[in-house]
Protein backbone atom coordinates (compact mmCIF):
# COMPACT_ATOMS: atom_id res chain seq x y z
CA MET A 1 -95.43 -19.86 -37.68
CA THR A 2 -97.14 -22.93 -36.47
CA ASP A 3 -94.45 -25.26 -37.65
CA ASN A 4 -91.83 -23.07 -36.11
CA SER A 5 -93.49 -22.99 -32.73
CA PHE A 6 -94.00 -26.74 -32.86
CA GLU A 7 -90.33 -27.22 -33.47
CA TRP A 8 -89.55 -25.04 -30.50
CA VAL A 9 -91.99 -27.02 -28.27
CA ARG A 10 -90.44 -30.27 -29.32
CA HIS A 11 -87.04 -28.95 -28.72
CA LEU A 12 -87.97 -27.71 -25.28
CA GLY A 13 -89.52 -31.07 -24.48
CA ALA A 14 -86.32 -32.87 -25.46
CA VAL A 15 -84.18 -30.47 -23.38
CA SER A 16 -86.44 -30.84 -20.29
CA GLY A 17 -86.43 -34.62 -20.73
CA PHE A 18 -82.61 -34.67 -20.72
CA VAL A 19 -82.53 -32.37 -17.73
CA CYS A 20 -84.91 -34.63 -15.82
CA VAL A 21 -82.62 -37.65 -16.49
CA PHE A 22 -79.50 -35.79 -15.61
CA VAL A 23 -80.97 -34.47 -12.32
CA SER A 24 -82.24 -37.90 -11.30
CA HIS A 25 -78.84 -39.35 -12.09
CA ILE A 26 -77.09 -36.77 -9.97
CA PHE A 27 -79.62 -37.27 -7.13
CA ARG A 28 -79.07 -41.04 -7.18
CA GLU A 29 -75.31 -40.54 -6.98
CA VAL A 30 -75.72 -38.10 -4.08
CA LEU A 31 -78.01 -40.56 -2.25
CA THR A 32 -75.54 -43.41 -2.81
CA THR A 33 -72.61 -41.37 -1.50
CA THR A 34 -74.62 -40.14 1.49
CA GLY A 35 -75.51 -43.72 2.33
CA LYS A 36 -71.96 -44.96 2.20
CA VAL A 37 -70.83 -41.98 4.45
CA LEU A 38 -73.65 -42.74 6.96
CA GLU A 39 -72.69 -46.45 6.97
CA ARG A 40 -69.07 -45.62 7.58
CA GLY A 41 -70.15 -43.17 10.38
CA LYS A 42 -71.91 -45.90 12.31
């Protein structure tokens, strides 16, 4: 029981870490694109 729950927690940590990296990457892309559009708008 304990080993199984530990595996689940570790799996959840890996998934959440991947999601954090993915979201930050998307956020950076959006900021870069927005910056380019604003520069072009000036």
